[in-house]
Amino acid sequence: MKKLFFILLVALSNNIISAQKTEVTYDEKLANELGGDNNGMKTYIFCILKTGSNTTATKEEKTKYFEGHMANINRLADEGKLIVAGPFMKNDRNYRGIFIFNCATVEEAQKLVETDPAVKAKIFEVELTPWYCSAALMAVPSTHKKITKPTK
C-alpha cells in the first residue's frame, strides 16, 4: 500500500511540475527591435563612475555639477544612448554609480561621458568596458517611465 501511495505521489508531482511550465515562444520581431543576436544578447558599454580627483569644488559648485549631471543623464536616456544609470550605496571602493550605454565601442561611450559636467569637472572618474548582456535590457527605459509617478 505504501509503495502504491508513493508511486501515485510521484506521478502527481510530475504532472503538477510539468503543468507549471510555461511555453516560451521566440519573438523575432521583438529580438530585432531590441537589437538582440541569436542568443537574445547584445553588446553595451558598462561604465563605473568613481570619486574623482577634484577635492576643491565648493558645495555650490558641486550642486551645479550634479544638476548638470542629472540633466545629461536625462538627455542621454531620451536619445536612447543611456539604458541604465544609478548610484551605488555607500561603499569602500569609491564607486559612485554606473551607466550602461547603448553603444558598441568604448570610444563612443567615452565621447558620451565627456558631455557630463561632473566628469568634466573631475567630480567623477570613469572606467569603461564592453559588456555582453540580454538585449531585453533595452526595454528598461520605457518600462521605467511607466512605473515612475509624475511629480506635481
Protein backbone atom coordinates (compact mmCIF):
# COMPACT_ATOMS: atom_id res chain seq x y z
CA MET A 1 0.00 0.00 0.00
CA LYS A 2 2.83 2.41 0.90
CA LYS A 3 4.52 1.62 -2.39
CA LEU A 4 1.34 2.35 -4.35
CA PHE A 5 0.85 5.63 -2.46
CA PHE A 6 4.47 6.64 -3.20
CA ILE A 7 4.08 5.88 -6.93
CA LEU A 8 0.84 7.88 -7.03
CA LEU A 9 2.52 10.79 -5.21
CA VAL A 10 5.45 10.81 -7.64
CA ALA A 11 3.10 10.69 -10.65
CA LEU A 12 1.02 13.57 -9.32
CA SER A 13 4.13 15.60 -8.56
CA ASN A 14 5.40 15.16 -12.12
CA ASN A 15 2.03 16.29 -13.52
CA ILE A 16 1.98 19.37 -11.29
CA ILE A 17 5.56 20.32 -12.18
CA SER A 18 5.00 19.90 -15.92
CA ALA A 19 1.71 21.81 -15.74
CA GLN A 20 3.54 24.78 -14.21
CA LYS A 21 5.99 25.05 -17.10
CA THR A 22 5.07 27.92 -19.37
CA GLU A 23 5.71 27.75 -23.05
CA VAL A 24 8.03 30.49 -24.26
CA THR A 25 7.96 31.36 -27.92
CA TYR A 26 10.68 33.20 -29.77
CA ASP A 27 9.60 36.68 -30.84
CA GLU A 28 11.82 37.55 -33.80
CA LYS A 29 10.27 41.00 -34.24
CA LEU A 30 10.97 41.92 -30.62
CA ALA A 31 14.50 40.49 -30.80
CA ASN A 32 15.20 42.66 -33.85
CA GLU A 33 13.65 45.77 -32.26
CA LEU A 34 15.86 45.35 -29.18
CA GLY A 35 18.97 44.58 -31.24
CA GLY A 36 19.39 41.05 -29.97
CA ASP A 37 21.55 38.45 -31.63
CA ASN A 38 20.53 34.77 -31.96
CA ASN A 39 21.11 34.33 -28.23
CA GLY A 40 18.97 37.36 -27.35
CA MET A 41 22.10 39.27 -26.34
CA LYS A 42 23.86 42.44 -27.46
CA THR A 43 26.95 44.49 -26.64
CA TYR A 44 26.74 47.50 -24.35
CA ILE A 45 29.42 49.62 -22.72
CA PHE A 46 29.47 49.35 -18.93
CA CYS A 47 30.70 52.41 -17.06
CA ILE A 48 31.67 52.66 -13.41
CA LEU A 49 31.70 56.17 -12.01
CA LYS A 50 34.23 56.65 -9.21
CA THR A 51 35.05 59.53 -6.91
CA GLY A 52 37.15 61.92 -8.94
CA SER A 53 40.27 63.87 -8.14
CA ASN A 54 38.53 67.24 -7.70
CA THR A 55 38.57 67.79 -3.93
CA THR A 56 38.43 71.59 -4.03
CA ALA A 57 34.96 72.15 -5.53
CA THR A 58 32.71 74.18 -3.26
CA LYS A 59 29.27 72.97 -2.20
CA GLU A 60 27.70 75.41 -4.67
CA GLU A 61 29.92 74.17 -7.50
CA LYS A 62 29.12 70.54 -6.67
CA THR A 63 25.40 71.37 -6.70
CA LYS A 64 25.78 72.93 -10.16
CA TYR A 65 27.76 69.93 -11.44
CA PHE A 66 25.21 67.45 -10.11
CA GLU A 67 22.34 69.39 -11.68
CA GLY A 68 24.19 69.22 -14.99
CA HIS A 69 24.99 65.55 -14.37
CA MET A 70 21.28 64.73 -13.92
CA ALA A 71 20.27 66.81 -16.95
CA ASN A 72 22.89 64.99 -19.02
CA ILE A 73 21.62 61.60 -17.81
CA ASN A 74 18.08 62.52 -18.85
CA ARG A 75 19.24 63.80 -22.24
CA LEU A 76 21.26 60.66 -23.00
CA ALA A 77 18.38 58.44 -21.85
CA ASP A 78 15.92 60.36 -24.07
CA GLU A 79 18.31 59.88 -27.00
CA GLY A 80 18.41 56.10 -26.37
CA LYS A 81 22.14 56.17 -25.62
CA LEU A 82 21.91 55.58 -21.86
CA ILE A 83 19.96 52.47 -20.91
CA VAL A 84 20.57 52.25 -17.17
CA ALA A 85 22.04 54.70 -14.67
CA GLY A 86 22.07 54.74 -10.93
CA PRO A 87 24.10 55.47 -7.83
CA PHE A 88 25.83 52.92 -5.65
CA MET A 89 25.14 52.90 -1.97
CA LYS A 90 27.99 53.91 0.35
CA ASN A 91 30.96 51.59 -0.18
CA ASP A 92 34.69 51.38 0.50
CA ARG A 93 35.72 51.30 -3.19
CA ASN A 94 34.90 54.92 -4.09
CA TYR A 95 32.29 53.62 -6.53
CA ARG A 96 29.66 56.29 -7.07
CA GLY A 97 27.41 54.89 -9.78
CA ILE A 98 27.01 53.10 -13.09
CA PHE A 99 25.99 53.87 -16.61
CA ILE A 100 25.13 51.25 -19.21
CA PHE A 101 25.47 52.75 -22.66
CA ASN A 102 23.74 51.57 -25.80
CA CYS A 103 26.81 51.72 -28.00
CA ALA A 104 29.29 49.19 -29.31
CA THR A 105 32.64 50.87 -28.67
CA VAL A 106 34.45 52.31 -25.69
CA GLU A 107 35.40 55.30 -27.85
CA GLU A 108 31.76 56.20 -28.48
CA ALA A 109 30.93 55.82 -24.77
CA GLN A 110 33.94 58.00 -23.88
CA LYS A 111 32.52 60.78 -26.04
CA LEU A 112 29.18 60.42 -24.23
CA VAL A 113 30.67 60.61 -20.72
CA GLU A 114 32.69 63.65 -21.74
CA THR A 115 29.37 65.53 -22.09
CA ASP A 116 28.78 65.11 -18.34
CA PRO A 117 29.66 68.28 -16.36
CA ALA A 118 30.59 66.26 -13.25
CA VAL A 119 33.01 64.14 -15.29
CA LYS A 120 34.48 67.25 -16.97
CA ALA A 121 35.00 68.82 -13.54
CA LYS A 122 36.65 65.61 -12.27
CA ILE A 123 33.97 65.11 -9.61
CA PHE A 124 33.75 61.66 -11.19
CA GLU A 125 36.28 59.49 -12.97
CA VAL A 126 35.08 56.73 -15.26
CA GLU A 127 36.06 53.20 -16.22
CA LEU A 128 34.55 51.86 -19.44
CA THR A 129 34.44 48.29 -20.68
CA PRO A 130 32.43 46.34 -23.28
CA TRP A 131 29.69 44.22 -21.75
CA TYR A 132 27.59 41.45 -23.31
CA CYS A 133 24.11 41.17 -21.80
CA SER A 134 20.49 40.45 -22.63
CA ALA A 135 19.00 42.71 -25.28
CA ALA A 136 15.93 42.82 -23.03
CA LEU A 137 17.80 45.49 -21.08
CA MET A 138 16.78 47.83 -23.90
CA ALA A 139 13.20 47.66 -22.57
CA VAL A 140 14.18 49.15 -19.20
CA PRO A 141 13.82 52.85 -20.12
CA SER A 142 10.26 52.55 -21.46
CA THR A 143 9.27 50.32 -18.55
CA HIS A 144 10.82 52.73 -16.06
CA LYS A 145 8.75 55.60 -17.46
CA LYS A 146 5.60 53.53 -16.91
CA ILE A 147 6.36 52.92 -13.25
CA THR A 148 7.58 56.41 -12.28
CA LYS A 149 4.93 58.58 -10.66
CA PRO A 150 4.77 62.03 -12.20
CA THR A 151 5.80 64.90 -9.93
CA LYS A 152 3.38 67.73 -9.36
